[in-house]
Amino acid sequence: MKIIGEFKKFINRGNIVDMAVGVIVGSSFTAVVNGLSNNILKPLINALLYVLLGGESIEEIYSIIIPAYTTNEVGEQVLDLASSIYIDWGAFIHAIINFGLVAVVLFVIVKVVNMVRDKQKKAIQDILDDFPTKEERREMKKMKLNYKDEKVLAQFRKDKAAAAKAEAEEKARQERLANPTTEDLLKEILAVLKSEKEQPH
């Protein structure tokens, strides 16, 4: 019974379920890509090669390294690809096509998923923005403001953001005064020299 409970706990983990879904979708996706490559793109490439090279197809693009010959039915020696050692450029081109298709489709899928997630986050944030937080309710109660009124809440947030910005600017100014840069020191020296020059002797 303990083993069954542990197995249920293992299966119910989110990453296991996600992985299973990913494997199933990946298998189906591979079949779609192979179908697109084999049944649509490869015939188009073969037709293009036929026009350009006169009869070649993607399967016939190879470089023989060590040839092997066999005798056909009429007694002629012909190349035996099964026994020859050769570079199969056609298979390589086919693999590149498949890789490109997978990369493009995955890019589109990820982009769509990210767009949907961003829209969901924005929608959730928009809903949350319509309601005050606990801290905002507490502050507005102290200021005797009606936090249920959307206009009052919006003005409160606007005033708070402006106050935070002013506070940050003042803090930055104080820090700069406490730790002046070389430029600040040069400006101060120039100001002192200018004031001394303007004073009557």
N, C-alpha and C. Protein backbone atom coordinates (compact mmCIF):
# COMPACT_ATOMS: atom_id res chain seq x y z
N MET A 1 0.82 -1.21 0.00
CA MET A 1 0.00 0.00 0.00
C MET A 1 0.86 1.26 0.00
N LYS A 2 1.97 1.18 0.75
CA LYS A 2 2.87 2.33 0.81
C LYS A 2 3.47 2.62 -0.57
N ILE A 3 3.81 1.55 -1.30
CA ILE A 3 4.40 1.71 -2.65
C ILE A 3 3.38 2.35 -3.59
N ILE A 4 2.11 1.93 -3.49
CA ILE A 4 1.06 2.50 -4.34
C ILE A 4 0.88 3.99 -4.04
N GLY A 5 0.92 4.35 -2.74
CA GLY A 5 0.80 5.76 -2.36
C GLY A 5 1.95 6.59 -2.90
N GLU A 6 3.18 6.05 -2.80
CA GLU A 6 4.34 6.76 -3.33
C GLU A 6 4.27 6.90 -4.84
N PHE A 7 3.75 5.84 -5.51
CA PHE A 7 3.61 5.88 -6.97
C PHE A 7 2.60 6.95 -7.37
N LYS A 8 1.48 7.03 -6.65
CA LYS A 8 0.47 8.07 -6.93
C LYS A 8 1.06 9.46 -6.75
N LYS A 9 1.83 9.62 -5.67
CA LYS A 9 2.47 10.91 -5.41
C LYS A 9 3.44 11.27 -6.52
N PHE A 10 4.18 10.27 -7.01
CA PHE A 10 5.15 10.49 -8.09
C PHE A 10 4.43 10.88 -9.38
N ILE A 11 3.34 10.16 -9.71
CA ILE A 11 2.60 10.41 -10.96
C ILE A 11 1.92 11.77 -10.92
N ASN A 12 1.44 12.17 -9.74
CA ASN A 12 0.68 13.42 -9.64
C ASN A 12 1.55 14.67 -9.61
N ARG A 13 2.84 14.51 -9.62
CA ARG A 13 3.73 15.67 -9.68
C ARG A 13 3.53 16.40 -11.00
N GLY A 14 3.54 17.74 -10.93
CA GLY A 14 3.29 18.56 -12.11
C GLY A 14 4.30 18.33 -13.22
N ASN A 15 5.59 18.19 -12.85
CA ASN A 15 6.60 18.05 -13.90
C ASN A 15 6.49 16.70 -14.62
N ILE A 16 6.03 15.65 -13.93
CA ILE A 16 5.86 14.36 -14.58
C ILE A 16 4.74 14.43 -15.61
N VAL A 17 3.63 15.05 -15.22
CA VAL A 17 2.50 15.20 -16.15
C VAL A 17 2.92 16.05 -17.35
N ASP A 18 3.61 17.16 -17.08
CA ASP A 18 4.08 18.03 -18.16
C ASP A 18 5.01 17.28 -19.11
N MET A 19 5.88 16.44 -18.53
CA MET A 19 6.82 15.69 -19.35
C MET A 19 6.07 14.68 -20.23
N ALA A 20 5.05 14.01 -19.66
CA ALA A 20 4.27 13.05 -20.44
C ALA A 20 3.54 13.74 -21.59
N VAL A 21 2.94 14.89 -21.30
CA VAL A 21 2.26 15.66 -22.34
C VAL A 21 3.25 16.08 -23.41
N GLY A 22 4.45 16.52 -22.99
CA GLY A 22 5.48 16.94 -23.93
C GLY A 22 5.92 15.81 -24.85
N VAL A 23 6.06 14.59 -24.29
CA VAL A 23 6.48 13.44 -25.10
C VAL A 23 5.41 13.10 -26.13
N ILE A 24 4.13 13.11 -25.71
CA ILE A 24 3.04 12.78 -26.63
C ILE A 24 2.94 13.82 -27.74
N VAL A 25 2.96 15.09 -27.35
CA VAL A 25 2.88 16.17 -28.34
C VAL A 25 4.10 16.12 -29.26
N GLY A 26 5.28 15.85 -28.69
CA GLY A 26 6.50 15.77 -29.49
C GLY A 26 6.44 14.66 -30.53
N SER A 27 5.89 13.50 -30.15
CA SER A 27 5.77 12.39 -31.10
C SER A 27 4.84 12.76 -32.25
N SER A 28 3.70 13.36 -31.91
CA SER A 28 2.75 13.78 -32.95
C SER A 28 3.35 14.86 -33.82
N PHE A 29 4.07 15.75 -33.18
CA PHE A 29 4.70 16.86 -33.90
C PHE A 29 5.75 16.35 -34.87
N THR A 30 6.51 15.33 -34.46
CA THR A 30 7.52 14.72 -35.34
C THR A 30 6.86 14.12 -36.58
N ALA A 31 5.73 13.46 -36.38
CA ALA A 31 5.01 12.87 -37.53
C ALA A 31 4.55 13.96 -38.49
N VAL A 32 4.07 15.08 -37.95
CA VAL A 32 3.62 16.19 -38.81
C VAL A 32 4.80 16.76 -39.60
N VAL A 33 5.92 16.97 -38.92
CA VAL A 33 7.10 17.53 -39.59
C VAL A 33 7.61 16.59 -40.67
N ASN A 34 7.68 15.28 -40.36
CA ASN A 34 8.14 14.31 -41.35
C ASN A 34 7.21 14.26 -42.55
N GLY A 35 5.89 14.33 -42.29
CA GLY A 35 4.93 14.34 -43.39
C GLY A 35 5.09 15.57 -44.27
N LEU A 36 5.27 16.74 -43.63
CA LEU A 36 5.47 17.98 -44.38
C LEU A 36 6.75 17.91 -45.21
N SER A 37 7.81 17.36 -44.59
CA SER A 37 9.10 17.30 -45.28
C SER A 37 9.08 16.28 -46.41
N ASN A 38 8.58 15.08 -46.14
CA ASN A 38 8.62 14.00 -47.12
C ASN A 38 7.60 14.17 -48.25
N ASN A 39 6.40 14.63 -47.89
CA ASN A 39 5.30 14.64 -48.85
C ASN A 39 5.11 15.96 -49.58
N ILE A 40 5.67 17.04 -49.05
CA ILE A 40 5.47 18.35 -49.68
C ILE A 40 6.80 18.97 -50.11
N LEU A 41 7.71 19.15 -49.14
CA LEU A 41 8.96 19.86 -49.46
C LEU A 41 9.91 19.04 -50.33
N LYS A 42 10.05 17.76 -49.99
CA LYS A 42 11.00 16.94 -50.77
C LYS A 42 10.58 16.83 -52.25
N PRO A 43 9.30 16.59 -52.56
CA PRO A 43 8.91 16.59 -53.98
C PRO A 43 9.16 17.93 -54.66
N LEU A 44 8.95 19.04 -53.93
CA LEU A 44 9.21 20.36 -54.52
C LEU A 44 10.70 20.53 -54.82
N ILE A 45 11.55 20.09 -53.88
CA ILE A 45 13.00 20.19 -54.09
C ILE A 45 13.43 19.29 -55.25
N ASN A 46 12.85 18.07 -55.31
CA ASN A 46 13.18 17.16 -56.42
C ASN A 46 12.78 17.77 -57.76
N ALA A 47 11.60 18.42 -57.79
CA ALA A 47 11.17 19.07 -59.03
C ALA A 47 12.12 20.19 -59.42
N LEU A 48 12.58 20.98 -58.42
CA LEU A 48 13.52 22.06 -58.68
C LEU A 48 14.85 21.51 -59.21
N LEU A 49 15.34 20.43 -58.58
CA LEU A 49 16.58 19.80 -59.04
C LEU A 49 16.43 19.23 -60.44
N TYR A 50 15.26 18.69 -60.74
CA TYR A 50 15.01 18.15 -62.07
C TYR A 50 15.10 19.23 -63.14
N VAL A 51 14.55 20.42 -62.78
CA VAL A 51 14.60 21.54 -63.73
C VAL A 51 16.02 22.06 -63.87
N LEU A 52 16.74 22.18 -62.74
CA LEU A 52 18.08 22.77 -62.77
C LEU A 52 19.15 21.80 -63.27
N LEU A 53 19.09 20.54 -62.80
CA LEU A 53 20.16 19.58 -63.09
C LEU A 53 19.77 18.54 -64.12
N GLY A 54 18.49 18.47 -64.47
CA GLY A 54 18.05 17.53 -65.49
C GLY A 54 17.97 16.11 -65.02
N GLY A 55 17.04 15.81 -64.15
CA GLY A 55 16.79 14.43 -63.76
C GLY A 55 17.25 14.07 -62.37
N GLU A 56 18.09 14.88 -61.73
CA GLU A 56 18.54 14.58 -60.37
C GLU A 56 17.39 14.75 -59.38
N SER A 57 17.45 14.00 -58.29
CA SER A 57 16.53 14.20 -57.18
C SER A 57 17.34 14.24 -55.90
N ILE A 58 16.69 14.57 -54.81
CA ILE A 58 17.44 14.72 -53.55
C ILE A 58 18.05 13.39 -53.10
N GLU A 59 17.41 12.26 -53.47
CA GLU A 59 17.97 10.96 -53.11
C GLU A 59 19.22 10.61 -53.93
N GLU A 60 19.38 11.26 -55.09
CA GLU A 60 20.49 10.91 -55.99
C GLU A 60 21.70 11.81 -55.80
N ILE A 61 21.69 12.65 -54.77
CA ILE A 61 22.83 13.53 -54.51
C ILE A 61 23.75 12.83 -53.52
N TYR A 62 24.81 12.23 -54.01
CA TYR A 62 25.78 11.55 -53.15
C TYR A 62 27.15 11.57 -53.83
N SER A 63 28.18 11.37 -53.03
CA SER A 63 29.56 11.32 -53.53
C SER A 63 30.14 9.95 -53.19
N ILE A 64 30.53 9.21 -54.22
CA ILE A 64 31.08 7.87 -54.03
C ILE A 64 32.53 7.97 -53.57
N ILE A 65 32.86 7.28 -52.47
CA ILE A 65 34.24 7.23 -51.97
C ILE A 65 34.90 5.92 -52.42
N ILE A 66 34.28 4.80 -52.08
CA ILE A 66 34.77 3.49 -52.53
C ILE A 66 33.60 2.79 -53.22
N PRO A 67 33.65 2.69 -54.57
CA PRO A 67 32.50 2.10 -55.28
C PRO A 67 32.51 0.57 -55.22
N ALA A 68 31.31 0.02 -55.32
CA ALA A 68 31.15 -1.42 -55.44
C ALA A 68 30.15 -1.66 -56.58
N TYR A 69 30.45 -2.66 -57.41
CA TYR A 69 29.61 -2.88 -58.59
C TYR A 69 28.96 -4.26 -58.52
N THR A 70 27.85 -4.34 -59.18
CA THR A 70 27.14 -5.62 -59.29
C THR A 70 26.65 -5.77 -60.74
N THR A 71 26.32 -7.00 -61.11
CA THR A 71 25.86 -7.27 -62.48
C THR A 71 24.34 -7.34 -62.50
N ASN A 72 23.75 -6.58 -63.43
CA ASN A 72 22.28 -6.60 -63.53
C ASN A 72 21.80 -7.75 -64.40
N GLU A 73 20.52 -7.73 -64.71
CA GLU A 73 19.90 -8.85 -65.44
C GLU A 73 20.44 -9.00 -66.86
N VAL A 74 20.87 -7.90 -67.48
CA VAL A 74 21.36 -7.96 -68.87
C VAL A 74 22.88 -8.11 -68.94
N GLY A 75 23.51 -8.32 -67.78
CA GLY A 75 24.94 -8.57 -67.76
C GLY A 75 25.80 -7.32 -67.67
N GLU A 76 25.20 -6.16 -67.41
CA GLU A 76 25.96 -4.91 -67.29
C GLU A 76 26.35 -4.69 -65.83
N GLN A 77 27.54 -4.11 -65.66
CA GLN A 77 27.98 -3.76 -64.31
C GLN A 77 27.38 -2.41 -63.93
N VAL A 78 26.72 -2.41 -62.78
CA VAL A 78 26.10 -1.18 -62.27
C VAL A 78 26.56 -0.95 -60.83
N LEU A 79 26.47 0.29 -60.44
CA LEU A 79 26.90 0.67 -59.08
C LEU A 79 25.96 0.08 -58.04
N ASP A 80 26.55 -0.56 -57.05
CA ASP A 80 25.77 -1.14 -55.95
C ASP A 80 25.92 -0.22 -54.73
N LEU A 81 24.92 0.63 -54.50
CA LEU A 81 25.00 1.59 -53.38
C LEU A 81 25.02 0.89 -52.03
N ALA A 82 24.35 -0.25 -51.93
CA ALA A 82 24.29 -0.96 -50.65
C ALA A 82 25.68 -1.43 -50.21
N SER A 83 26.55 -1.75 -51.16
CA SER A 83 27.90 -2.23 -50.83
C SER A 83 28.96 -1.14 -50.96
N SER A 84 28.60 0.01 -51.53
CA SER A 84 29.55 1.11 -51.72
C SER A 84 29.64 1.96 -50.47
N ILE A 85 30.77 2.65 -50.37
CA ILE A 85 30.95 3.64 -49.31
C ILE A 85 30.81 5.02 -49.96
N TYR A 86 29.84 5.79 -49.47
CA TYR A 86 29.58 7.09 -50.11
C TYR A 86 29.03 8.09 -49.10
N ILE A 87 29.11 9.37 -49.47
CA ILE A 87 28.55 10.45 -48.66
C ILE A 87 27.15 10.75 -49.19
N ASP A 88 26.16 10.61 -48.33
CA ASP A 88 24.77 10.80 -48.74
C ASP A 88 24.37 12.26 -48.47
N TRP A 89 24.64 13.11 -49.48
CA TRP A 89 24.29 14.52 -49.33
C TRP A 89 22.77 14.72 -49.27
N GLY A 90 22.03 13.87 -49.96
CA GLY A 90 20.57 13.99 -49.97
C GLY A 90 19.98 13.81 -48.58
N ALA A 91 20.48 12.81 -47.83
CA ALA A 91 19.99 12.58 -46.47
C ALA A 91 20.35 13.75 -45.56
N PHE A 92 21.56 14.31 -45.81
CA PHE A 92 21.99 15.46 -45.02
C PHE A 92 21.09 16.67 -45.28
N ILE A 93 20.78 16.92 -46.56
CA ILE A 93 19.89 18.03 -46.91
C ILE A 93 18.51 17.82 -46.30
N HIS A 94 18.05 16.57 -46.33
CA HIS A 94 16.75 16.23 -45.75
C HIS A 94 16.74 16.51 -44.25
N ALA A 95 17.84 16.16 -43.55
CA ALA A 95 17.94 16.42 -42.11
C ALA A 95 17.93 17.91 -41.82
N ILE A 96 18.61 18.70 -42.66
CA ILE A 96 18.63 20.15 -42.48
C ILE A 96 17.22 20.73 -42.66
N ILE A 97 16.49 20.22 -43.66
CA ILE A 97 15.12 20.68 -43.88
C ILE A 97 14.25 20.39 -42.66
N ASN A 98 14.37 19.16 -42.14
CA ASN A 98 13.59 18.79 -40.95
C ASN A 98 13.94 19.67 -39.76
N PHE A 99 15.24 19.92 -39.57
CA PHE A 99 15.68 20.77 -38.46
C PHE A 99 15.10 22.18 -38.60
N GLY A 100 15.17 22.72 -39.81
CA GLY A 100 14.62 24.06 -40.05
C GLY A 100 13.14 24.13 -39.77
N LEU A 101 12.41 23.10 -40.20
CA LEU A 101 10.96 23.06 -39.95
C LEU A 101 10.66 23.01 -38.46
N VAL A 102 11.38 22.12 -37.74
CA VAL A 102 11.17 21.99 -36.30
C VAL A 102 11.47 23.31 -35.60
N ALA A 103 12.59 23.95 -35.97
CA ALA A 103 12.98 25.21 -35.34
C ALA A 103 11.93 26.30 -35.57
N VAL A 104 11.45 26.40 -36.81
CA VAL A 104 10.46 27.45 -37.14
C VAL A 104 9.16 27.21 -36.40
N VAL A 105 8.67 25.96 -36.43
CA VAL A 105 7.39 25.66 -35.78
C VAL A 105 7.50 25.82 -34.27
N LEU A 106 8.60 25.37 -33.67
CA LEU A 106 8.80 25.55 -32.23
C LEU A 106 8.85 27.02 -31.86
N PHE A 107 9.52 27.82 -32.69
CA PHE A 107 9.58 29.27 -32.45
C PHE A 107 8.18 29.87 -32.45
N VAL A 108 7.37 29.47 -33.43
CA VAL A 108 6.00 30.00 -33.52
C VAL A 108 5.18 29.57 -32.31
N ILE A 109 5.31 28.27 -31.92
CA ILE A 109 4.55 27.77 -30.77
C ILE A 109 4.93 28.51 -29.50
N VAL A 110 6.25 28.65 -29.25
CA VAL A 110 6.72 29.34 -28.05
C VAL A 110 6.26 30.80 -28.04
N LYS A 111 6.30 31.43 -29.20
CA LYS A 111 5.87 32.83 -29.30
C LYS A 111 4.39 32.96 -28.98
N VAL A 112 3.57 32.05 -29.53
CA VAL A 112 2.13 32.08 -29.26
C VAL A 112 1.86 31.83 -27.78
N VAL A 113 2.55 30.83 -27.19
CA VAL A 113 2.35 30.52 -25.77
C VAL A 113 2.73 31.70 -24.90
N ASN A 114 3.86 32.35 -25.21
CA ASN A 114 4.28 33.52 -24.45
C ASN A 114 3.30 34.67 -24.58
N MET A 115 2.75 34.87 -25.77
CA MET A 115 1.75 35.91 -25.98
C MET A 115 0.50 35.65 -25.13
N VAL A 116 0.06 34.38 -25.12
CA VAL A 116 -1.13 34.02 -24.33
C VAL A 116 -0.85 34.23 -22.85
N ARG A 117 0.34 33.83 -22.38
CA ARG A 117 0.69 34.00 -20.96
C ARG A 117 0.75 35.48 -20.59
N ASP A 118 1.36 36.28 -21.47
CA ASP A 118 1.45 37.72 -21.20
C ASP A 118 0.06 38.35 -21.11
N LYS A 119 -0.84 37.93 -22.01
CA LYS A 119 -2.21 38.47 -21.99
C LYS A 119 -2.93 38.04 -20.71
N GLN A 120 -2.71 36.79 -20.29
CA GLN A 120 -3.33 36.32 -19.05
C GLN A 120 -2.81 37.10 -17.85
N LYS A 121 -1.48 37.30 -17.79
CA LYS A 121 -0.90 38.07 -16.68
C LYS A 121 -1.44 39.49 -16.66
N LYS A 122 -1.54 40.10 -17.85
CA LYS A 122 -2.05 41.47 -17.94
C LYS A 122 -3.50 41.53 -17.49
N ALA A 123 -4.30 40.53 -17.92
CA ALA A 123 -5.71 40.50 -17.54
C ALA A 123 -5.86 40.35 -16.02
N ILE A 124 -5.05 39.45 -15.44
CA ILE A 124 -5.09 39.25 -13.99
C ILE A 124 -4.65 40.52 -13.26
N GLN A 125 -3.58 41.16 -13.78
CA GLN A 125 -3.09 42.39 -13.15
C GLN A 125 -4.12 43.50 -13.25
N ASP A 126 -4.81 43.58 -14.39
CA ASP A 126 -5.86 44.60 -14.55
C ASP A 126 -6.99 44.39 -13.55
N ILE A 127 -7.33 43.11 -13.31
CA ILE A 127 -8.39 42.81 -12.33
C ILE A 127 -7.93 43.19 -10.93
N LEU A 128 -6.66 42.83 -10.61
CA LEU A 128 -6.13 43.15 -9.28
C LEU A 128 -6.00 44.65 -9.07
N ASP A 129 -5.70 45.39 -10.15
CA ASP A 129 -5.55 46.84 -10.02
C ASP A 129 -6.85 47.53 -9.65
N ASP A 130 -7.98 46.86 -9.94
CA ASP A 130 -9.27 47.46 -9.62
C ASP A 130 -9.61 47.37 -8.13
N PHE A 131 -8.83 46.57 -7.39
CA PHE A 131 -9.09 46.39 -5.97
C PHE A 131 -7.88 46.86 -5.17
N PRO A 132 -8.11 47.57 -4.07
CA PRO A 132 -6.98 48.03 -3.24
C PRO A 132 -6.37 46.88 -2.45
N THR A 133 -5.08 47.00 -2.19
CA THR A 133 -4.40 46.01 -1.36
C THR A 133 -4.72 46.28 0.11
N LYS A 134 -4.29 45.36 0.99
CA LYS A 134 -4.52 45.53 2.43
C LYS A 134 -3.86 46.80 2.93
N GLU A 135 -2.63 47.01 2.47
CA GLU A 135 -1.89 48.21 2.90
C GLU A 135 -2.58 49.48 2.43
N GLU A 136 -3.08 49.47 1.19
CA GLU A 136 -3.78 50.64 0.67
C GLU A 136 -5.07 50.90 1.44
N ARG A 137 -5.80 49.83 1.76
CA ARG A 137 -7.03 50.01 2.55
C ARG A 137 -6.72 50.61 3.92
N ARG A 138 -5.63 50.11 4.54
CA ARG A 138 -5.25 50.61 5.86
C ARG A 138 -4.88 52.10 5.80
N GLU A 139 -4.07 52.46 4.78
CA GLU A 139 -3.65 53.86 4.63
C GLU A 139 -4.84 54.77 4.32
N MET A 140 -5.73 54.29 3.44
CA MET A 140 -6.88 55.12 3.06
C MET A 140 -7.87 55.28 4.22
N LYS A 141 -7.97 54.25 5.06
CA LYS A 141 -8.83 54.37 6.25
C LYS A 141 -8.28 55.43 7.19
N LYS A 142 -6.94 55.45 7.36
CA LYS A 142 -6.32 56.46 8.22
C LYS A 142 -6.57 57.87 7.68
N MET A 143 -6.58 57.99 6.35
CA MET A 143 -6.81 59.29 5.72
C MET A 143 -8.30 59.58 5.50
N LYS A 144 -9.14 58.64 6.00
CA LYS A 144 -10.61 58.76 5.89
C LYS A 144 -11.05 58.90 4.42
N LEU A 145 -10.45 58.06 3.59
CA LEU A 145 -10.82 58.03 2.17
C LEU A 145 -11.62 56.77 1.89
N ASN A 146 -12.54 56.86 0.93
CA ASN A 146 -13.38 55.73 0.56
C ASN A 146 -12.64 54.86 -0.46
N TYR A 147 -12.06 53.75 0.01
CA TYR A 147 -11.26 52.92 -0.89
C TYR A 147 -12.13 52.12 -1.87
N LYS A 148 -13.44 52.10 -1.67
CA LYS A 148 -14.33 51.40 -2.59
C LYS A 148 -14.63 52.22 -3.84
N ASP A 149 -14.36 53.52 -3.76
CA ASP A 149 -14.57 54.40 -4.91
C ASP A 149 -13.37 54.31 -5.85
N GLU A 150 -13.59 53.92 -7.11
CA GLU A 150 -12.49 53.72 -8.06
C GLU A 150 -11.72 55.01 -8.32
N LYS A 151 -12.43 56.13 -8.43
CA LYS A 151 -11.78 57.42 -8.71
C LYS A 151 -10.90 57.84 -7.53
N VAL A 152 -11.42 57.65 -6.33
CA VAL A 152 -10.65 57.99 -5.12
C VAL A 152 -9.41 57.11 -5.03
N LEU A 153 -9.57 55.81 -5.33
CA LEU A 153 -8.44 54.88 -5.29
C LEU A 153 -7.39 55.26 -6.33
N ALA A 154 -7.85 55.61 -7.55
CA ALA A 154 -6.92 56.00 -8.61
C ALA A 154 -6.15 57.26 -8.23
N GLN A 155 -6.84 58.25 -7.65
CA GLN A 155 -6.17 59.49 -7.23
C GLN A 155 -5.19 59.24 -6.09
N PHE A 156 -5.58 58.35 -5.16
CA PHE A 156 -4.70 58.00 -4.04
C PHE A 156 -3.41 57.36 -4.57
N ARG A 157 -3.56 56.44 -5.53
CA ARG A 157 -2.38 55.79 -6.09
C ARG A 157 -1.51 56.78 -6.86
N LYS A 158 -2.16 57.71 -7.56
CA LYS A 158 -1.42 58.72 -8.31
C LYS A 158 -0.62 59.62 -7.37
N ASP A 159 -1.27 60.06 -6.30
CA ASP A 159 -0.59 60.91 -5.31
C ASP A 159 0.55 60.16 -4.63
N LYS A 160 0.31 58.88 -4.34
CA LYS A 160 1.34 58.08 -3.68
C LYS A 160 2.54 57.88 -4.59
N ALA A 161 2.29 57.63 -5.89
CA ALA A 161 3.38 57.46 -6.85
C ALA A 161 4.18 58.75 -6.99
N ALA A 162 3.47 59.90 -7.02
CA ALA A 162 4.15 61.19 -7.12
C ALA A 162 5.00 61.46 -5.89
N ALA A 163 4.46 61.13 -4.69
CA ALA A 163 5.22 61.32 -3.45
C ALA A 163 6.45 60.43 -3.40
N ALA A 164 6.29 59.17 -3.89
CA ALA A 164 7.43 58.24 -3.91
C ALA A 164 8.51 58.72 -4.87
N LYS A 165 8.08 59.28 -6.01
CA LYS A 165 9.03 59.80 -6.99
C LYS A 165 9.79 60.99 -6.43
N ALA A 166 9.05 61.91 -5.76
CA ALA A 166 9.68 63.09 -5.16
C ALA A 166 10.66 62.68 -4.07
N GLU A 167 10.27 61.68 -3.28
CA GLU A 167 11.15 61.19 -2.21
C GLU A 167 12.43 60.58 -2.78
N ALA A 168 12.27 59.82 -3.87
CA ALA A 168 13.44 59.19 -4.50
C ALA A 168 14.38 60.25 -5.08
N GLU A 169 13.80 61.28 -5.70
CA GLU A 169 14.62 62.36 -6.27
C GLU A 169 15.36 63.12 -5.17
N GLU A 170 14.68 63.37 -4.05
CA GLU A 170 15.31 64.07 -2.93
C GLU A 170 16.43 63.22 -2.32
N LYS A 171 16.18 61.93 -2.21
CA LYS A 171 17.20 61.01 -1.67
C LYS A 171 18.43 60.99 -2.58
N ALA A 172 18.17 60.95 -3.92
CA ALA A 172 19.28 60.95 -4.87
C ALA A 172 20.06 62.25 -4.79
N ARG A 173 19.34 63.38 -4.58
CA ARG A 173 20.00 64.69 -4.46
C ARG A 173 20.86 64.75 -3.20
N GLN A 174 20.33 64.24 -2.09
CA GLN A 174 21.08 64.24 -0.84
C GLN A 174 22.33 63.36 -0.94
N GLU A 175 22.17 62.20 -1.59
CA GLU A 175 23.33 61.30 -1.77
C GLU A 175 24.39 61.94 -2.65
N ARG A 176 23.94 62.70 -3.65
CA ARG A 176 24.90 63.37 -4.54
C ARG A 176 25.62 64.49 -3.80
N LEU A 177 24.89 65.19 -2.92
CA LEU A 177 25.53 66.24 -2.12
C LEU A 177 26.54 65.64 -1.15
N ALA A 178 26.20 64.49 -0.58
CA ALA A 178 27.10 63.84 0.38
C ALA A 178 28.30 63.22 -0.33
N ASN A 179 28.09 62.77 -1.57
CA ASN A 179 29.18 62.14 -2.34
C ASN A 179 29.26 62.80 -3.71
N PRO A 180 29.80 64.00 -3.77
CA PRO A 180 29.83 64.72 -5.04
C PRO A 180 30.75 64.05 -6.06
N THR A 181 30.34 64.13 -7.32
CA THR A 181 31.16 63.58 -8.39
C THR A 181 32.22 64.61 -8.80
N THR A 182 33.15 64.21 -9.64
CA THR A 182 34.18 65.12 -10.14
C THR A 182 33.55 66.30 -10.87
N GLU A 183 32.49 66.02 -11.62
CA GLU A 183 31.79 67.08 -12.34
C GLU A 183 31.18 68.10 -11.38
N ASP A 184 30.59 67.60 -10.28
CA ASP A 184 30.00 68.51 -9.28
C ASP A 184 31.08 69.39 -8.65
N LEU A 185 32.23 68.78 -8.32
CA LEU A 185 33.32 69.55 -7.72
C LEU A 185 33.85 70.62 -8.67
N LEU A 186 33.99 70.28 -9.94
CA LEU A 186 34.46 71.25 -10.93
C LEU A 186 33.48 72.40 -11.08
N LYS A 187 32.17 72.08 -11.08
CA LYS A 187 31.15 73.12 -11.16
C LYS A 187 31.21 74.05 -9.95
N GLU A 188 31.44 73.46 -8.78
CA GLU A 188 31.51 74.25 -7.54
C GLU A 188 32.74 75.17 -7.58
N ILE A 189 33.87 74.65 -8.04
CA ILE A 189 35.10 75.46 -8.13
C ILE A 189 34.91 76.60 -9.12
N LEU A 190 34.28 76.30 -10.27
CA LEU A 190 34.01 77.34 -11.27
C LEU A 190 33.08 78.42 -10.72
N ALA A 191 32.09 77.99 -9.94
CA ALA A 191 31.16 78.96 -9.34
C ALA A 191 31.88 79.87 -8.36
N VAL A 192 32.79 79.29 -7.55
CA VAL A 192 33.55 80.10 -6.58
C VAL A 192 34.46 81.08 -7.30
N LEU A 193 35.16 80.60 -8.34
CA LEU A 193 36.06 81.48 -9.11
C LEU A 193 35.28 82.60 -9.79
N LYS A 194 34.11 82.28 -10.29
CA LYS A 194 33.29 83.29 -10.96
C LYS A 194 32.80 84.34 -9.98
N SER A 195 32.40 83.91 -8.78
CA SER A 195 31.92 84.86 -7.77
C SER A 195 33.06 85.76 -7.28
N GLU A 196 34.26 85.19 -7.13
CA GLU A 196 35.42 86.00 -6.71
C GLU A 196 35.79 87.02 -7.78
N LYS A 197 35.67 86.61 -9.03
CA LYS A 197 36.00 87.53 -10.14
C LYS A 197 35.02 88.68 -10.22
N GLU A 198 33.75 88.40 -9.90
CA GLU A 198 32.73 89.43 -9.99
C GLU A 198 32.78 90.41 -8.82
N GLN A 199 33.39 90.00 -7.68
CA GLN A 199 33.48 90.89 -6.52
C GLN A 199 34.44 92.04 -6.80
N PRO A 200 34.06 93.30 -6.42
CA PRO A 200 34.97 94.45 -6.62
C PRO A 200 36.17 94.38 -5.71
N HIS A 201 37.32 94.78 -6.24
CA HIS A 201 38.57 94.77 -5.44
C HIS A 201 38.80 96.12 -4.80
